[in-house]
Amino acid sequence: MLTLTGFADEISPDLNKQLEVLQSEEIKYIELRGVWEKNVLELTDEELHSIKQTLEKGGFKLSSIGSPIGKISILDDFDGHLSRLERAISVAEYFQTKYIRIFSFFMPEGEDPARYREEVMRRMSALVKKAEEKGMILLHENEKEIYGDNEWRCLDILRTINSPNLRMAFDPANFIQCGVLPHTEAYPLLERYIEYVHIKDAILKTGKVVPAGKGDGELLPLLTTLKQSNYKGFLSLEPHLAAAETFSGYSGPELFVVAVKALKDILKETNYTWK
């Protein structure tokens, strides 16, 4: 059985509105990225305490910390950024989740990513070392324009670091926006590393994000294969149906529900059960 979760800040900046919509769709987990228009790593201890109390009152839990770690240029200073992972780990511990979403650094426009491979691996190794020390699992998302944006460079990172504390957050729409077919091309290479799946779809020709099953992201065959392989992890809704920014996305309450129902339609078609 799968567990549904999602980036609730796509619903509204207001926590109560986020939970109201999730409750209406019987989703009891959140991938915490932002509340009150503040990124999760910018929230104060007092704000985190307030969020935790509200979640517990409503019977909600966190599936992951949707951090922006690694979402800087490979040319930017890394030492200060590394310390932000310590904050992400402390937040994850506070909410009793083992997962933290990360990225593998934006590449300079027009340059060959291979030029920066050694530095990418150095940085990823440093991040994973901290995760290993605390028993956390870093989930690398295949974001467009970072080093690990296509299937081969994702595989390169995961093979090179070779740690159980670094796994894959598989994002079909992001692969489509990089010209990669998620199920046909990426999944066979990355299957053994996939521990978390983001649900959003996109049109190959334009890159436009659409509800699950309405684009070229191969969501139906992907979920069929995941079921056959006995995947029982999280499916995290990240619809981006109204806007997509570098550090956030937005759908609004109505479009978020559209995204949820589109996913549930595919799950019903595959006979995949969820909670």
Protein backbone atom coordinates (compact mmCIF):
# COMPACT_ATOMS: atom_id res chain seq x y z
CA MET A 1 0.00 0.00 0.00
CA LEU A 2 1.21 3.46 -0.96
CA THR A 3 1.10 6.54 1.23
CA LEU A 4 0.00 9.83 -0.30
CA THR A 5 1.68 13.06 0.73
CA GLY A 6 2.31 16.42 -0.87
CA PHE A 7 3.83 19.88 -0.90
CA ALA A 8 0.99 21.55 1.00
CA ASP A 9 2.40 25.04 0.42
CA GLU A 10 1.11 24.64 -3.15
CA ILE A 11 -2.38 24.89 -1.66
CA SER A 12 -1.92 28.07 0.37
CA PRO A 13 0.70 29.80 2.54
CA ASP A 14 -1.72 29.34 5.45
CA LEU A 15 -1.19 26.12 7.40
CA ASN A 16 -4.84 25.72 8.38
CA LYS A 17 -5.96 26.00 4.76
CA GLN A 18 -3.32 23.46 3.73
CA LEU A 19 -4.60 20.97 6.26
CA GLU A 20 -8.24 21.61 5.40
CA VAL A 21 -7.66 20.66 1.76
CA LEU A 22 -5.51 17.65 2.61
CA GLN A 23 -8.13 16.46 5.07
CA SER A 24 -10.81 16.75 2.39
CA GLU A 25 -8.78 14.34 0.22
CA GLU A 26 -7.90 12.04 3.14
CA ILE A 27 -4.17 12.80 2.89
CA LYS A 28 -2.49 12.65 6.30
CA TYR A 29 1.14 13.39 5.42
CA ILE A 30 2.94 16.56 4.32
CA GLU A 31 6.26 17.17 2.62
CA LEU A 32 7.14 20.33 4.53
CA ARG A 33 8.65 22.99 2.25
CA GLY A 34 7.01 26.21 3.34
CA VAL A 35 4.45 27.81 5.63
CA TRP A 36 3.40 31.46 5.90
CA GLU A 37 5.55 32.24 2.83
CA LYS A 38 8.68 31.13 4.67
CA ASN A 39 10.92 28.26 3.61
CA VAL A 40 11.10 25.40 6.08
CA LEU A 41 14.73 26.21 6.93
CA GLU A 42 13.84 29.84 7.71
CA LEU A 43 11.15 28.97 10.25
CA THR A 44 11.99 29.76 13.86
CA ASP A 45 11.91 27.15 16.60
CA GLU A 46 8.73 28.77 17.92
CA GLU A 47 7.09 28.55 14.50
CA LEU A 48 8.12 24.92 14.13
CA HIS A 49 6.63 24.17 17.53
CA SER A 50 3.37 25.81 16.50
CA ILE A 51 3.31 23.80 13.26
CA LYS A 52 3.97 20.54 15.11
CA GLN A 53 1.16 21.20 17.57
CA THR A 54 -1.27 21.96 14.74
CA LEU A 55 -0.24 18.85 12.79
CA GLU A 56 -0.57 16.60 15.81
CA LYS A 57 -3.98 18.03 16.64
CA GLY A 58 -5.19 17.18 13.12
CA GLY A 59 -3.54 13.76 13.01
CA PHE A 60 -0.95 14.75 10.38
CA LYS A 61 2.68 13.67 10.04
CA LEU A 62 5.63 14.69 7.87
CA SER A 63 6.85 12.45 5.08
CA SER A 64 9.94 14.54 4.33
CA ILE A 65 11.62 17.91 4.73
CA GLY A 66 11.38 19.60 1.32
CA SER A 67 14.64 21.47 1.77
CA PRO A 68 16.45 23.65 -0.80
CA ILE A 69 19.82 22.07 0.03
CA GLY A 70 21.91 21.82 -3.13
CA LYS A 71 19.76 24.33 -4.98
CA ILE A 72 22.59 26.82 -5.42
CA SER A 73 25.15 27.28 -8.17
CA ILE A 74 28.15 24.99 -8.17
CA LEU A 75 30.14 28.25 -8.19
CA ASP A 76 28.55 29.51 -4.95
CA ASP A 77 30.16 29.14 -1.53
CA PHE A 78 29.49 25.70 -0.11
CA ASP A 79 30.70 25.88 3.49
CA GLY A 80 27.86 28.11 4.64
CA HIS A 81 25.40 26.06 2.66
CA LEU A 82 26.59 22.87 4.31
CA SER A 83 25.66 24.30 7.69
CA ARG A 84 22.07 24.66 6.46
CA LEU A 85 21.90 20.88 6.23
CA GLU A 86 22.49 20.77 9.97
CA ARG A 87 19.35 22.87 10.39
CA ALA A 88 17.44 20.58 8.01
CA ILE A 89 18.53 17.55 10.02
CA SER A 90 17.44 19.12 13.30
CA VAL A 91 14.03 19.96 11.79
CA ALA A 92 13.69 16.41 10.46
CA GLU A 93 14.55 14.99 13.88
CA TYR A 94 12.02 17.31 15.54
CA PHE A 95 9.24 16.09 13.25
CA GLN A 96 10.43 12.47 13.38
CA THR A 97 10.99 11.98 9.67
CA LYS A 98 14.09 10.36 8.19
CA TYR A 99 13.88 11.98 4.74
CA ILE A 100 15.35 15.29 3.52
CA ARG A 101 14.98 16.30 -0.14
CA ILE A 102 18.15 17.74 -1.73
CA PHE A 103 19.62 18.73 -5.13
CA SER A 104 23.00 18.51 -6.86
CA PHE A 105 23.76 22.15 -7.70
CA PHE A 106 22.93 24.31 -10.69
CA MET A 107 25.39 24.20 -13.57
CA PRO A 108 26.64 27.42 -15.24
CA GLU A 109 24.52 28.06 -18.31
CA GLY A 110 25.98 26.69 -21.52
CA GLU A 111 28.83 24.80 -19.84
CA ASP A 112 29.48 21.07 -19.87
CA PRO A 113 28.42 19.59 -16.49
CA ALA A 114 31.35 17.15 -16.73
CA ARG A 115 33.64 20.08 -16.00
CA TYR A 116 32.14 20.32 -12.49
CA ARG A 117 31.71 16.63 -11.75
CA GLU A 118 34.55 16.39 -9.21
CA GLU A 119 33.25 19.36 -7.21
CA VAL A 120 29.69 18.00 -7.31
CA MET A 121 30.86 14.69 -5.89
CA ARG A 122 32.92 16.41 -3.21
CA ARG A 123 29.91 18.40 -2.08
CA MET A 124 27.50 15.49 -2.24
CA SER A 125 29.91 13.37 -0.21
CA ALA A 126 30.06 16.06 2.47
CA LEU A 127 26.26 16.26 2.62
CA VAL A 128 25.87 12.50 2.83
CA LYS A 129 28.51 12.21 5.53
CA LYS A 130 26.44 14.48 7.78
CA ALA A 131 23.32 12.48 6.98
CA GLU A 132 25.09 9.22 7.84
CA GLU A 133 26.17 10.63 11.20
CA LYS A 134 22.54 11.33 12.10
CA GLY A 135 20.86 8.37 10.42
CA MET A 136 19.06 10.55 7.87
CA ILE A 137 18.30 9.69 4.26
CA LEU A 138 18.90 12.39 1.66
CA LEU A 139 16.56 12.19 -1.34
CA HIS A 140 18.16 13.55 -4.51
CA GLU A 141 15.57 15.12 -6.80
CA ASN A 142 16.31 15.29 -10.52
CA GLU A 143 15.70 19.03 -10.87
CA LYS A 144 16.12 20.68 -14.26
CA GLU A 145 19.53 22.38 -14.85
CA ILE A 146 21.34 20.84 -11.86
CA TYR A 147 24.13 18.29 -12.34
CA GLY A 148 21.81 15.36 -11.70
CA ASP A 149 19.03 16.43 -14.05
CA ASN A 150 19.13 13.53 -16.50
CA GLU A 151 19.10 9.78 -15.90
CA TRP A 152 22.81 9.19 -16.49
CA ARG A 153 24.08 11.91 -14.18
CA CYS A 154 21.62 10.84 -11.47
CA LEU A 155 23.05 7.35 -11.78
CA ASP A 156 26.57 8.78 -11.69
CA ILE A 157 25.88 10.52 -8.36
CA LEU A 158 24.18 7.56 -6.74
CA ARG A 159 26.83 5.06 -7.87
CA THR A 160 29.76 7.30 -6.96
CA ILE A 161 28.53 8.23 -3.49
CA ASN A 162 27.31 4.65 -2.96
CA SER A 163 25.57 5.18 0.37
CA PRO A 164 22.26 3.89 1.72
CA ASN A 165 21.80 7.41 3.08
CA LEU A 166 21.51 8.84 -0.43
CA ARG A 167 18.47 7.71 -2.41
CA MET A 168 16.39 9.00 -5.31
CA ALA A 169 13.31 11.22 -5.25
CA PHE A 170 12.07 10.31 -8.72
CA ASP A 171 10.29 13.20 -10.49
CA PRO A 172 8.69 12.32 -13.86
CA ALA A 173 7.90 15.89 -14.94
CA ASN A 174 11.44 17.08 -14.29
CA PHE A 175 12.76 14.30 -16.51
CA ILE A 176 10.30 15.28 -19.26
CA GLN A 177 11.51 18.88 -19.06
CA CYS A 178 15.03 17.55 -19.69
CA GLY A 179 13.91 15.48 -22.68
CA VAL A 180 14.09 12.18 -20.79
CA LEU A 181 11.23 9.65 -20.80
CA PRO A 182 10.75 8.75 -17.11
CA HIS A 183 9.57 5.17 -17.36
CA THR A 184 11.19 4.14 -20.62
CA GLU A 185 14.64 5.69 -20.12
CA ALA A 186 15.17 6.76 -16.49
CA TYR A 187 13.41 4.12 -14.42
CA PRO A 188 15.38 1.08 -15.67
CA LEU A 189 18.66 2.77 -14.69
CA LEU A 190 17.52 4.15 -11.35
CA GLU A 191 15.04 1.59 -10.06
CA ARG A 192 17.26 0.22 -7.29
CA TYR A 193 17.81 3.73 -5.87
CA ILE A 194 14.22 4.99 -5.90
CA GLU A 195 12.86 5.47 -2.39
CA TYR A 196 10.41 8.33 -2.94
CA VAL A 197 8.34 9.47 -5.91
CA HIS A 198 7.12 12.97 -6.79
CA ILE A 199 3.89 13.14 -8.73
CA LYS A 200 3.70 15.72 -11.45
CA ASP A 201 3.39 15.39 -15.21
CA ALA A 202 4.51 17.54 -18.14
CA ILE A 203 4.23 17.96 -21.90
CA LEU A 204 7.42 16.91 -23.70
CA LYS A 205 7.12 19.49 -26.47
CA THR A 206 6.55 22.53 -24.25
CA GLY A 207 7.60 21.50 -20.74
CA LYS A 208 4.23 22.67 -19.40
CA VAL A 209 3.22 20.95 -16.17
CA VAL A 210 -0.17 19.22 -16.21
CA PRO A 211 -2.15 16.87 -13.91
CA ALA A 212 -0.93 13.29 -13.62
CA GLY A 213 -1.73 11.25 -16.71
CA LYS A 214 -2.38 14.30 -18.91
CA GLY A 215 1.19 14.67 -20.18
CA ASP A 216 4.12 12.62 -21.44
CA GLY A 217 5.44 11.60 -18.01
CA GLU A 218 4.40 7.97 -18.43
CA LEU A 219 2.62 8.00 -15.06
CA LEU A 220 0.38 5.02 -15.84
CA PRO A 221 3.19 2.63 -16.86
CA LEU A 222 5.42 4.02 -14.09
CA LEU A 223 2.86 3.35 -11.37
CA THR A 224 2.04 -0.02 -12.92
CA THR A 225 5.72 -0.98 -12.73
CA LEU A 226 6.06 0.37 -9.19
CA LYS A 227 3.12 -1.80 -8.15
CA GLN A 228 4.67 -4.85 -9.81
CA SER A 229 7.95 -4.16 -7.99
CA ASN A 230 6.05 -3.91 -4.67
CA TYR A 231 6.90 -0.24 -4.06
CA LYS A 232 5.22 0.80 -0.80
CA GLY A 233 6.71 4.23 -0.23
CA PHE A 234 5.42 7.78 -0.54
CA LEU A 235 3.85 9.42 -3.58
CA SER A 236 4.31 13.16 -3.07
CA LEU A 237 2.05 15.53 -4.99
CA GLU A 238 3.97 18.53 -6.33
CA PRO A 239 1.47 19.74 -8.97
CA HIS A 240 2.92 23.16 -10.00
CA LEU A 241 -0.33 23.75 -11.92
CA ALA A 242 -0.48 27.53 -11.47
CA ALA A 243 3.16 28.59 -11.05
CA ALA A 244 6.63 27.12 -10.64
CA GLU A 245 9.45 29.12 -9.09
CA THR A 246 13.02 28.16 -8.30
CA PHE A 247 12.29 27.46 -4.65
CA SER A 248 8.55 26.87 -4.65
CA GLY A 249 5.46 26.05 -6.66
CA TYR A 250 1.80 27.00 -6.47
CA SER A 251 -1.45 25.40 -7.50
CA GLY A 252 -4.10 26.82 -5.18
CA PRO A 253 -6.76 24.77 -3.39
CA GLU A 254 -8.90 23.95 -6.43
CA LEU A 255 -6.06 22.90 -8.74
CA PHE A 256 -4.39 20.93 -5.97
CA VAL A 257 -7.58 18.88 -5.64
CA VAL A 258 -7.61 18.42 -9.43
CA ALA A 259 -4.07 17.03 -9.16
CA VAL A 260 -5.04 14.67 -6.32
CA LYS A 261 -8.04 13.30 -8.18
CA ALA A 262 -5.98 12.77 -11.36
CA LEU A 263 -3.48 10.71 -9.38
CA LYS A 264 -6.21 8.70 -7.68
CA ASP A 265 -7.74 7.92 -11.08
CA ILE A 266 -4.45 6.37 -12.21
CA LEU A 267 -4.05 4.46 -8.95
CA LYS A 268 -7.54 3.01 -9.38
CA GLU A 269 -6.69 2.01 -12.95
CA THR A 270 -3.61 0.13 -11.73
CA ASN A 271 -5.44 -1.36 -8.72
CA TYR A 272 -2.84 0.27 -6.47
CA THR A 273 -4.15 0.81 -2.92
CA TRP A 274 -3.19 3.87 -0.91
CA LYS A 275 -3.71 5.55 2.41
